[in-house]
Amino acid sequence: MRDTFTTPEELAFKVATSVGRYLFTKAVKEELDRVAEKQPVAVGTEQSRSQVARRAERLSSVISGSRILLVNDIPLEMQYVIRILESLNVSITIATSTAQALSLLSTNSFDLVISDMRRENVPDEGLRFLQKMREQRLYRPLIFTVGQYEPGRGTPPYAFGITNRIEEMLNLTFDILERIRG
């Protein structure tokens, strides 16, 4: 990478900015790499992890301060996603049931919702939740997480996306935030 400068102050600013971007990107990439070591199926290739980290840095001003409702009856399953998003200054509120999520949506402002598909031992509870959101006019972009993703089934109607991979979920999240906050 090459850049030009005319004053020592300008050089100092450009160096500090570049180092800051590098450290930010490195932190996100390292977190994704830790996930890859523990759960190789949950994340993509080295290249896709690097791409997500660079995108997170590029969109940091758009992402920062956003609010996400995470609906999952076992929030520990989402610990890596939560840690990455919180490191990007995203506020995460967790609901462990559909009823709790609907209550939070009706009284709080969220930029998007990330919901698991299977919850409370009901295989399609996520779809039922989405239907209740629509019935109550609680319109928010929604991303589904699933254990076994079947691309042939497609994305459910009215959902923004569906995935079982962390870097894809982050990209979908970035897509939404870029559209509504960018």
N, C-alpha and C. Protein backbone atom coordinates (compact mmCIF):
# COMPACT_ATOMS: atom_id res chain seq x y z
N MET A 1 0.84 -1.16 0.00
CA MET A 1 0.00 0.00 0.00
C MET A 1 0.89 1.23 0.00
N ARG A 2 0.50 2.22 -0.76
CA ARG A 2 1.29 3.43 -0.87
C ARG A 2 0.38 4.64 -0.71
N ASP A 3 0.89 5.67 -0.05
CA ASP A 3 0.14 6.89 0.12
C ASP A 3 1.11 8.06 0.14
N THR A 4 0.61 9.25 -0.02
CA THR A 4 1.47 10.43 -0.02
C THR A 4 1.07 11.34 1.15
N PHE A 5 1.99 12.19 1.54
CA PHE A 5 1.75 13.14 2.61
C PHE A 5 2.61 14.37 2.35
N THR A 6 2.24 15.48 2.98
CA THR A 6 3.01 16.71 2.79
C THR A 6 3.56 17.26 4.10
N THR A 7 2.99 16.85 5.23
CA THR A 7 3.47 17.35 6.53
C THR A 7 3.70 16.17 7.47
N PRO A 8 4.52 16.37 8.49
CA PRO A 8 4.70 15.30 9.49
C PRO A 8 3.39 14.94 10.18
N GLU A 9 2.52 15.92 10.41
CA GLU A 9 1.23 15.65 11.06
C GLU A 9 0.36 14.76 10.18
N GLU A 10 0.36 15.05 8.88
CA GLU A 10 -0.42 14.24 7.94
C GLU A 10 0.11 12.80 7.90
N LEU A 11 1.42 12.66 7.90
CA LEU A 11 2.02 11.32 7.95
C LEU A 11 1.61 10.59 9.21
N ALA A 12 1.70 11.27 10.36
CA ALA A 12 1.33 10.65 11.64
C ALA A 12 -0.13 10.21 11.63
N PHE A 13 -1.01 11.05 11.09
CA PHE A 13 -2.43 10.71 11.01
C PHE A 13 -2.64 9.48 10.14
N LYS A 14 -2.00 9.46 8.98
CA LYS A 14 -2.19 8.33 8.05
C LYS A 14 -1.63 7.03 8.63
N VAL A 15 -0.49 7.11 9.31
CA VAL A 15 0.08 5.91 9.93
C VAL A 15 -0.84 5.41 11.04
N ALA A 16 -1.29 6.32 11.91
CA ALA A 16 -2.18 5.93 13.01
C ALA A 16 -3.47 5.33 12.49
N THR A 17 -4.04 5.91 11.45
CA THR A 17 -5.28 5.40 10.86
C THR A 17 -5.06 4.01 10.28
N SER A 18 -3.97 3.82 9.56
CA SER A 18 -3.68 2.51 8.96
C SER A 18 -3.45 1.45 10.02
N VAL A 19 -2.71 1.80 11.06
CA VAL A 19 -2.46 0.83 12.14
C VAL A 19 -3.76 0.49 12.84
N GLY A 20 -4.61 1.49 13.09
CA GLY A 20 -5.91 1.23 13.71
C GLY A 20 -6.77 0.30 12.89
N ARG A 21 -6.83 0.53 11.57
CA ARG A 21 -7.60 -0.36 10.69
C ARG A 21 -7.04 -1.77 10.71
N TYR A 22 -5.70 -1.87 10.68
CA TYR A 22 -5.06 -3.18 10.70
C TYR A 22 -5.41 -3.94 11.99
N LEU A 23 -5.30 -3.27 13.14
CA LEU A 23 -5.58 -3.93 14.42
C LEU A 23 -7.05 -4.34 14.53
N PHE A 24 -7.94 -3.50 14.06
CA PHE A 24 -9.38 -3.80 14.07
C PHE A 24 -9.65 -5.05 13.24
N THR A 25 -9.16 -5.05 12.01
CA THR A 25 -9.36 -6.19 11.10
C THR A 25 -8.75 -7.45 11.68
N LYS A 26 -7.56 -7.33 12.24
CA LYS A 26 -6.86 -8.47 12.82
C LYS A 26 -7.67 -9.09 13.97
N ALA A 27 -8.26 -8.25 14.81
CA ALA A 27 -9.03 -8.76 15.96
C ALA A 27 -10.25 -9.56 15.50
N VAL A 28 -10.97 -9.05 14.51
CA VAL A 28 -12.14 -9.77 13.99
C VAL A 28 -11.69 -11.08 13.34
N LYS A 29 -10.65 -11.03 12.55
CA LYS A 29 -10.14 -12.23 11.86
C LYS A 29 -9.68 -13.28 12.86
N GLU A 30 -8.98 -12.86 13.91
CA GLU A 30 -8.52 -13.81 14.92
C GLU A 30 -9.69 -14.49 15.62
N GLU A 31 -10.76 -13.75 15.89
CA GLU A 31 -11.93 -14.36 16.52
C GLU A 31 -12.56 -15.39 15.59
N LEU A 32 -12.66 -15.06 14.31
CA LEU A 32 -13.20 -16.03 13.34
C LEU A 32 -12.29 -17.25 13.22
N ASP A 33 -10.99 -17.03 13.27
CA ASP A 33 -10.04 -18.16 13.22
C ASP A 33 -10.18 -19.06 14.44
N ARG A 34 -10.43 -18.46 15.62
CA ARG A 34 -10.65 -19.28 16.83
C ARG A 34 -11.89 -20.17 16.66
N VAL A 35 -12.93 -19.61 16.07
CA VAL A 35 -14.14 -20.39 15.81
C VAL A 35 -13.81 -21.53 14.85
N ALA A 36 -13.04 -21.23 13.81
CA ALA A 36 -12.69 -22.24 12.81
C ALA A 36 -11.92 -23.40 13.44
N GLU A 37 -11.08 -23.12 14.43
CA GLU A 37 -10.34 -24.18 15.12
C GLU A 37 -11.27 -25.09 15.91
N LYS A 38 -12.29 -24.49 16.54
CA LYS A 38 -13.19 -25.26 17.41
C LYS A 38 -14.36 -25.88 16.66
N GLN A 39 -14.85 -25.17 15.65
CA GLN A 39 -16.03 -25.63 14.90
C GLN A 39 -15.80 -25.37 13.41
N PRO A 40 -14.99 -26.18 12.75
CA PRO A 40 -14.64 -25.93 11.35
C PRO A 40 -15.85 -25.81 10.41
N VAL A 41 -16.92 -26.48 10.71
CA VAL A 41 -18.10 -26.45 9.85
C VAL A 41 -18.82 -25.10 9.96
N ALA A 42 -18.64 -24.41 11.08
CA ALA A 42 -19.39 -23.18 11.34
C ALA A 42 -18.86 -21.96 10.57
N VAL A 43 -17.65 -22.05 10.06
CA VAL A 43 -17.08 -20.92 9.32
C VAL A 43 -16.52 -21.40 8.00
N GLY A 44 -16.29 -20.46 7.13
CA GLY A 44 -15.81 -20.79 5.79
C GLY A 44 -14.30 -20.84 5.71
N THR A 45 -13.83 -20.50 4.54
CA THR A 45 -12.41 -20.58 4.24
C THR A 45 -11.64 -19.42 4.86
N GLU A 46 -10.34 -19.54 4.84
CA GLU A 46 -9.46 -18.46 5.28
C GLU A 46 -9.78 -17.17 4.53
N GLN A 47 -10.01 -17.29 3.25
CA GLN A 47 -10.32 -16.13 2.42
C GLN A 47 -11.64 -15.48 2.84
N SER A 48 -12.67 -16.30 3.10
CA SER A 48 -13.96 -15.72 3.49
C SER A 48 -13.89 -15.05 4.86
N ARG A 49 -13.09 -15.62 5.77
CA ARG A 49 -12.92 -15.00 7.09
C ARG A 49 -12.20 -13.66 6.97
N SER A 50 -11.19 -13.61 6.12
CA SER A 50 -10.48 -12.35 5.89
C SER A 50 -11.39 -11.30 5.27
N GLN A 51 -12.22 -11.73 4.34
CA GLN A 51 -13.14 -10.81 3.67
C GLN A 51 -14.12 -10.21 4.67
N VAL A 52 -14.65 -11.03 5.56
CA VAL A 52 -15.60 -10.53 6.57
C VAL A 52 -14.90 -9.55 7.50
N ALA A 53 -13.69 -9.85 7.91
CA ALA A 53 -12.95 -8.95 8.80
C ALA A 53 -12.69 -7.60 8.12
N ARG A 54 -12.30 -7.62 6.86
CA ARG A 54 -12.07 -6.36 6.13
C ARG A 54 -13.38 -5.59 5.97
N ARG A 55 -14.46 -6.30 5.70
CA ARG A 55 -15.76 -5.63 5.54
C ARG A 55 -16.21 -5.02 6.87
N ALA A 56 -15.99 -5.72 7.97
CA ALA A 56 -16.35 -5.19 9.29
C ALA A 56 -15.62 -3.87 9.54
N GLU A 57 -14.34 -3.83 9.20
CA GLU A 57 -13.57 -2.60 9.40
C GLU A 57 -14.10 -1.49 8.50
N ARG A 58 -14.36 -1.81 7.26
CA ARG A 58 -14.84 -0.81 6.30
C ARG A 58 -16.18 -0.21 6.72
N LEU A 59 -17.04 -1.03 7.33
CA LEU A 59 -18.38 -0.59 7.72
C LEU A 59 -18.48 -0.23 9.20
N SER A 60 -17.35 -0.14 9.89
CA SER A 60 -17.39 0.04 11.34
C SER A 60 -18.22 1.24 11.77
N SER A 61 -18.18 2.34 11.04
CA SER A 61 -18.96 3.51 11.45
C SER A 61 -20.46 3.29 11.26
N VAL A 62 -20.84 2.43 10.31
CA VAL A 62 -22.25 2.11 10.08
C VAL A 62 -22.73 1.09 11.11
N ILE A 63 -21.89 0.14 11.41
CA ILE A 63 -22.25 -0.95 12.33
C ILE A 63 -22.33 -0.47 13.78
N SER A 64 -21.39 0.36 14.15
CA SER A 64 -21.27 0.82 15.53
C SER A 64 -22.56 1.48 16.02
N GLY A 65 -23.03 1.04 17.18
CA GLY A 65 -24.23 1.60 17.77
C GLY A 65 -25.52 0.94 17.34
N SER A 66 -25.43 -0.02 16.45
CA SER A 66 -26.67 -0.70 16.01
C SER A 66 -27.16 -1.63 17.12
N ARG A 67 -28.43 -2.01 17.00
CA ARG A 67 -29.08 -2.84 18.03
C ARG A 67 -29.66 -4.08 17.37
N ILE A 68 -29.32 -5.23 17.93
CA ILE A 68 -29.79 -6.51 17.39
C ILE A 68 -30.50 -7.29 18.49
N LEU A 69 -31.63 -7.87 18.12
CA LEU A 69 -32.33 -8.81 19.00
C LEU A 69 -31.94 -10.21 18.56
N LEU A 70 -31.34 -10.96 19.46
CA LEU A 70 -30.94 -12.34 19.20
C LEU A 70 -31.93 -13.25 19.92
N VAL A 71 -32.63 -14.09 19.16
CA VAL A 71 -33.62 -14.99 19.73
C VAL A 71 -33.09 -16.41 19.62
N ASN A 72 -32.76 -16.98 20.77
CA ASN A 72 -32.19 -18.32 20.79
C ASN A 72 -32.40 -18.89 22.19
N ASP A 73 -32.98 -20.08 22.27
CA ASP A 73 -33.23 -20.67 23.58
C ASP A 73 -31.95 -21.19 24.23
N ILE A 74 -30.87 -21.28 23.47
CA ILE A 74 -29.57 -21.67 24.00
C ILE A 74 -28.56 -20.63 23.53
N PRO A 75 -28.53 -19.45 24.17
CA PRO A 75 -27.66 -18.35 23.69
C PRO A 75 -26.18 -18.72 23.62
N LEU A 76 -25.76 -19.70 24.41
CA LEU A 76 -24.36 -20.13 24.38
C LEU A 76 -23.95 -20.57 22.97
N GLU A 77 -24.91 -21.08 22.19
CA GLU A 77 -24.63 -21.48 20.80
C GLU A 77 -24.15 -20.30 19.95
N MET A 78 -24.49 -19.12 20.38
CA MET A 78 -24.16 -17.92 19.61
C MET A 78 -23.05 -17.10 20.25
N GLN A 79 -22.29 -17.69 21.16
CA GLN A 79 -21.29 -16.94 21.90
C GLN A 79 -20.26 -16.27 21.00
N TYR A 80 -19.84 -16.94 19.92
CA TYR A 80 -18.82 -16.35 19.04
C TYR A 80 -19.39 -15.16 18.28
N VAL A 81 -20.60 -15.31 17.78
CA VAL A 81 -21.25 -14.22 17.06
C VAL A 81 -21.46 -13.03 17.99
N ILE A 82 -21.92 -13.31 19.20
CA ILE A 82 -22.14 -12.24 20.17
C ILE A 82 -20.82 -11.50 20.45
N ARG A 83 -19.77 -12.26 20.68
CA ARG A 83 -18.48 -11.64 20.99
C ARG A 83 -17.97 -10.78 19.82
N ILE A 84 -18.11 -11.27 18.61
CA ILE A 84 -17.66 -10.50 17.43
C ILE A 84 -18.49 -9.23 17.29
N LEU A 85 -19.81 -9.36 17.36
CA LEU A 85 -20.67 -8.18 17.19
C LEU A 85 -20.46 -7.16 18.30
N GLU A 86 -20.31 -7.63 19.53
CA GLU A 86 -20.06 -6.69 20.62
C GLU A 86 -18.72 -5.99 20.45
N SER A 87 -17.73 -6.69 19.89
CA SER A 87 -16.44 -6.04 19.64
C SER A 87 -16.56 -4.95 18.58
N LEU A 88 -17.63 -5.00 17.78
CA LEU A 88 -17.90 -3.98 16.75
C LEU A 88 -18.82 -2.89 17.29
N ASN A 89 -19.02 -2.87 18.61
CA ASN A 89 -19.89 -1.90 19.29
C ASN A 89 -21.35 -2.03 18.89
N VAL A 90 -21.78 -3.28 18.72
CA VAL A 90 -23.19 -3.59 18.44
C VAL A 90 -23.81 -4.03 19.76
N SER A 91 -24.99 -3.49 20.05
CA SER A 91 -25.71 -3.86 21.26
C SER A 91 -26.56 -5.10 20.96
N ILE A 92 -26.37 -6.15 21.74
CA ILE A 92 -27.10 -7.40 21.56
C ILE A 92 -28.04 -7.59 22.75
N THR A 93 -29.32 -7.79 22.46
CA THR A 93 -30.29 -8.15 23.48
C THR A 93 -30.71 -9.58 23.18
N ILE A 94 -30.73 -10.41 24.21
CA ILE A 94 -31.04 -11.83 24.02
C ILE A 94 -32.43 -12.14 24.55
N ALA A 95 -33.20 -12.84 23.73
CA ALA A 95 -34.49 -13.39 24.14
C ALA A 95 -34.40 -14.90 23.98
N THR A 96 -34.89 -15.64 24.95
CA THR A 96 -34.80 -17.10 24.88
C THR A 96 -36.10 -17.76 24.46
N SER A 97 -37.14 -16.96 24.23
CA SER A 97 -38.42 -17.53 23.80
C SER A 97 -39.10 -16.57 22.82
N THR A 98 -40.04 -17.10 22.09
CA THR A 98 -40.81 -16.28 21.15
C THR A 98 -41.58 -15.21 21.89
N ALA A 99 -42.22 -15.56 23.00
CA ALA A 99 -43.01 -14.59 23.76
C ALA A 99 -42.12 -13.44 24.26
N GLN A 100 -40.97 -13.77 24.77
CA GLN A 100 -40.05 -12.74 25.26
C GLN A 100 -39.58 -11.86 24.10
N ALA A 101 -39.28 -12.46 22.96
CA ALA A 101 -38.83 -11.70 21.80
C ALA A 101 -39.90 -10.74 21.31
N LEU A 102 -41.15 -11.20 21.23
CA LEU A 102 -42.24 -10.34 20.78
C LEU A 102 -42.45 -9.17 21.74
N SER A 103 -42.34 -9.44 23.02
CA SER A 103 -42.47 -8.38 24.02
C SER A 103 -41.36 -7.34 23.85
N LEU A 104 -40.13 -7.80 23.68
CA LEU A 104 -39.00 -6.88 23.48
C LEU A 104 -39.16 -6.07 22.19
N LEU A 105 -39.62 -6.72 21.13
CA LEU A 105 -39.82 -6.01 19.86
C LEU A 105 -40.90 -4.93 19.96
N SER A 106 -41.91 -5.18 20.78
CA SER A 106 -43.00 -4.22 20.87
C SER A 106 -42.64 -3.01 21.74
N THR A 107 -41.59 -3.13 22.55
CA THR A 107 -41.25 -2.04 23.46
C THR A 107 -39.86 -1.44 23.22
N ASN A 108 -39.10 -1.98 22.28
CA ASN A 108 -37.74 -1.51 22.03
C ASN A 108 -37.52 -1.34 20.53
N SER A 109 -36.48 -0.61 20.22
CA SER A 109 -36.11 -0.39 18.83
C SER A 109 -34.89 -1.24 18.48
N PHE A 110 -35.03 -2.10 17.49
CA PHE A 110 -33.93 -2.94 17.03
C PHE A 110 -33.76 -2.73 15.54
N ASP A 111 -32.51 -2.83 15.08
CA ASP A 111 -32.24 -2.71 13.65
C ASP A 111 -32.56 -4.01 12.92
N LEU A 112 -32.36 -5.14 13.59
CA LEU A 112 -32.64 -6.43 12.97
C LEU A 112 -32.79 -7.50 14.04
N VAL A 113 -33.25 -8.65 13.60
CA VAL A 113 -33.45 -9.80 14.48
C VAL A 113 -32.69 -10.99 13.89
N ILE A 114 -31.98 -11.70 14.76
CA ILE A 114 -31.37 -12.97 14.38
C ILE A 114 -32.05 -14.03 15.23
N SER A 115 -32.66 -15.01 14.58
CA SER A 115 -33.44 -16.02 15.31
C SER A 115 -33.03 -17.42 14.87
N ASP A 116 -32.96 -18.32 15.85
CA ASP A 116 -32.78 -19.71 15.47
C ASP A 116 -34.10 -20.25 14.93
N MET A 117 -34.02 -21.27 14.14
CA MET A 117 -35.22 -21.85 13.54
C MET A 117 -35.90 -22.80 14.53
N ARG A 118 -35.10 -23.64 15.18
CA ARG A 118 -35.62 -24.63 16.13
C ARG A 118 -35.48 -24.05 17.53
N ARG A 119 -36.61 -23.97 18.24
CA ARG A 119 -36.58 -23.41 19.58
C ARG A 119 -37.67 -24.06 20.41
N GLU A 120 -37.40 -24.25 21.68
CA GLU A 120 -38.39 -24.80 22.59
C GLU A 120 -38.92 -26.15 22.10
N ASN A 121 -38.01 -26.94 21.50
CA ASN A 121 -38.33 -28.27 20.96
C ASN A 121 -39.35 -28.25 19.83
N VAL A 122 -39.51 -27.12 19.19
CA VAL A 122 -40.42 -27.00 18.04
C VAL A 122 -39.55 -26.73 16.81
N PRO A 123 -39.54 -27.65 15.84
CA PRO A 123 -38.63 -27.52 14.69
C PRO A 123 -38.82 -26.25 13.87
N ASP A 124 -40.04 -25.71 13.81
CA ASP A 124 -40.29 -24.52 12.99
C ASP A 124 -40.71 -23.32 13.84
N GLU A 125 -40.25 -23.27 15.09
CA GLU A 125 -40.63 -22.15 15.97
C GLU A 125 -40.19 -20.81 15.39
N GLY A 126 -39.07 -20.80 14.68
CA GLY A 126 -38.62 -19.56 14.06
C GLY A 126 -39.62 -19.05 13.04
N LEU A 127 -40.19 -19.95 12.25
CA LEU A 127 -41.21 -19.55 11.27
C LEU A 127 -42.47 -19.05 11.97
N ARG A 128 -42.82 -19.70 13.06
CA ARG A 128 -44.00 -19.26 13.83
C ARG A 128 -43.75 -17.86 14.42
N PHE A 129 -42.53 -17.63 14.88
CA PHE A 129 -42.15 -16.33 15.41
C PHE A 129 -42.25 -15.26 14.32
N LEU A 130 -41.73 -15.56 13.15
CA LEU A 130 -41.80 -14.61 12.03
C LEU A 130 -43.26 -14.28 11.68
N GLN A 131 -44.11 -15.28 11.68
CA GLN A 131 -45.53 -15.05 11.40
C GLN A 131 -46.16 -14.15 12.46
N LYS A 132 -45.83 -14.39 13.73
CA LYS A 132 -46.37 -13.54 14.81
C LYS A 132 -45.83 -12.11 14.71
N MET A 133 -44.58 -11.97 14.31
CA MET A 133 -44.03 -10.62 14.09
C MET A 133 -44.87 -9.89 13.04
N ARG A 134 -45.18 -10.57 11.96
CA ARG A 134 -45.95 -9.95 10.88
C ARG A 134 -47.37 -9.63 11.33
N GLU A 135 -47.99 -10.57 12.06
CA GLU A 135 -49.36 -10.34 12.55
C GLU A 135 -49.42 -9.12 13.47
N GLN A 136 -48.36 -8.92 14.27
CA GLN A 136 -48.32 -7.80 15.21
C GLN A 136 -47.67 -6.55 14.59
N ARG A 137 -47.40 -6.61 13.31
CA ARG A 137 -46.78 -5.50 12.56
C ARG A 137 -45.46 -5.04 13.18
N LEU A 138 -44.69 -6.01 13.63
CA LEU A 138 -43.36 -5.76 14.18
C LEU A 138 -42.33 -6.05 13.09
N TYR A 139 -42.32 -5.20 12.08
CA TYR A 139 -41.49 -5.44 10.91
C TYR A 139 -40.03 -5.10 11.19
N ARG A 140 -39.19 -6.10 11.13
CA ARG A 140 -37.74 -5.96 11.24
C ARG A 140 -37.11 -6.98 10.30
N PRO A 141 -35.98 -6.65 9.71
CA PRO A 141 -35.28 -7.68 8.93
C PRO A 141 -34.89 -8.83 9.85
N LEU A 142 -35.06 -10.05 9.37
CA LEU A 142 -34.80 -11.23 10.20
C LEU A 142 -33.88 -12.19 9.47
N ILE A 143 -32.88 -12.66 10.19
CA ILE A 143 -31.96 -13.68 9.69
C ILE A 143 -32.18 -14.93 10.53
N PHE A 144 -32.37 -16.06 9.86
CA PHE A 144 -32.51 -17.33 10.56
C PHE A 144 -31.17 -18.05 10.64
N THR A 145 -30.94 -18.68 11.80
CA THR A 145 -29.81 -19.59 11.95
C THR A 145 -30.38 -21.00 12.06
N VAL A 146 -29.71 -21.93 11.43
CA VAL A 146 -30.18 -23.32 11.44
C VAL A 146 -28.99 -24.23 11.69
N GLY A 147 -29.27 -25.39 12.24
CA GLY A 147 -28.21 -26.39 12.45
C GLY A 147 -27.80 -27.03 11.13
N GLN A 148 -28.77 -27.45 10.37
CA GLN A 148 -28.53 -28.08 9.07
C GLN A 148 -29.16 -27.22 7.99
N TYR A 149 -28.33 -26.57 7.21
CA TYR A 149 -28.83 -25.70 6.16
C TYR A 149 -29.02 -26.51 4.89
N GLU A 150 -30.21 -26.38 4.30
CA GLU A 150 -30.53 -27.06 3.05
C GLU A 150 -30.79 -25.99 1.99
N PRO A 151 -29.76 -25.63 1.20
CA PRO A 151 -29.92 -24.55 0.23
C PRO A 151 -31.09 -24.73 -0.73
N GLY A 152 -31.43 -25.95 -1.04
CA GLY A 152 -32.53 -26.21 -1.96
C GLY A 152 -33.88 -25.73 -1.45
N ARG A 153 -34.01 -25.59 -0.15
CA ARG A 153 -35.28 -25.11 0.43
C ARG A 153 -35.43 -23.60 0.33
N GLY A 154 -34.32 -22.90 0.12
CA GLY A 154 -34.37 -21.45 -0.03
C GLY A 154 -34.61 -20.73 1.28
N THR A 155 -34.71 -19.41 1.16
CA THR A 155 -34.97 -18.56 2.32
C THR A 155 -36.47 -18.49 2.54
N PRO A 156 -36.94 -18.65 3.77
CA PRO A 156 -38.38 -18.55 4.04
C PRO A 156 -38.93 -17.19 3.62
N PRO A 157 -40.17 -17.15 3.17
CA PRO A 157 -40.78 -15.87 2.81
C PRO A 157 -40.72 -14.88 3.97
N TYR A 158 -40.42 -13.64 3.64
CA TYR A 158 -40.34 -12.51 4.57
C TYR A 158 -39.09 -12.52 5.44
N ALA A 159 -38.24 -13.51 5.30
CA ALA A 159 -36.96 -13.50 6.02
C ALA A 159 -35.90 -12.91 5.10
N PHE A 160 -34.92 -12.25 5.69
CA PHE A 160 -33.85 -11.66 4.89
C PHE A 160 -32.86 -12.72 4.43
N GLY A 161 -32.60 -13.71 5.30
CA GLY A 161 -31.64 -14.74 4.95
C GLY A 161 -31.69 -15.89 5.94
N ILE A 162 -30.96 -16.95 5.59
CA ILE A 162 -30.89 -18.12 6.45
C ILE A 162 -29.51 -18.74 6.25
N THR A 163 -28.87 -19.16 7.34
CA THR A 163 -27.54 -19.72 7.24
C THR A 163 -27.19 -20.56 8.46
N ASN A 164 -26.15 -21.36 8.32
CA ASN A 164 -25.61 -22.09 9.46
C ASN A 164 -24.12 -21.77 9.63
N ARG A 165 -23.66 -20.71 8.94
CA ARG A 165 -22.24 -20.36 9.00
C ARG A 165 -22.08 -18.93 9.52
N ILE A 166 -21.11 -18.76 10.39
CA ILE A 166 -20.93 -17.49 11.08
C ILE A 166 -20.57 -16.36 10.12
N GLU A 167 -19.63 -16.60 9.20
CA GLU A 167 -19.24 -15.49 8.33
C GLU A 167 -20.37 -15.10 7.39
N GLU A 168 -21.22 -16.04 7.01
CA GLU A 168 -22.39 -15.70 6.20
C GLU A 168 -23.39 -14.88 7.02
N MET A 169 -23.57 -15.24 8.28
CA MET A 169 -24.47 -14.49 9.15
C MET A 169 -23.96 -13.06 9.33
N LEU A 170 -22.66 -12.92 9.51
CA LEU A 170 -22.09 -11.57 9.64
C LEU A 170 -22.29 -10.78 8.36
N ASN A 171 -22.08 -11.40 7.21
CA ASN A 171 -22.29 -10.69 5.94
C ASN A 171 -23.75 -10.29 5.77
N LEU A 172 -24.68 -11.17 6.12
CA LEU A 172 -26.10 -10.81 6.06
C LEU A 172 -26.41 -9.65 7.00
N THR A 173 -25.84 -9.71 8.20
CA THR A 173 -26.02 -8.63 9.18
C THR A 173 -25.48 -7.32 8.63
N PHE A 174 -24.28 -7.37 8.06
CA PHE A 174 -23.69 -6.17 7.47
C PHE A 174 -24.55 -5.64 6.32
N ASP A 175 -25.10 -6.55 5.51
CA ASP A 175 -25.98 -6.14 4.41
C ASP A 175 -27.16 -5.33 4.94
N ILE A 176 -27.80 -5.85 5.97
CA ILE A 176 -28.97 -5.16 6.54
C ILE A 176 -28.57 -3.81 7.12
N LEU A 177 -27.52 -3.81 7.94
CA LEU A 177 -27.12 -2.56 8.59
C LEU A 177 -26.67 -1.51 7.57
N GLU A 178 -26.02 -1.95 6.54
CA GLU A 178 -25.59 -1.02 5.50
C GLU A 178 -26.79 -0.40 4.79
N ARG A 179 -27.84 -1.18 4.60
CA ARG A 179 -29.03 -0.68 3.93
C ARG A 179 -29.85 0.26 4.79
N ILE A 180 -29.96 -0.06 6.08
CA ILE A 180 -30.84 0.76 6.91
C ILE A 180 -30.12 1.88 7.65
N ARG A 181 -28.81 1.76 7.83
CA ARG A 181 -28.07 2.78 8.58
C ARG A 181 -27.04 3.52 7.72
N GLY A 182 -26.74 2.96 6.55
CA GLY A 182 -25.64 3.49 5.71
C GLY A 182 -25.98 4.72 4.95
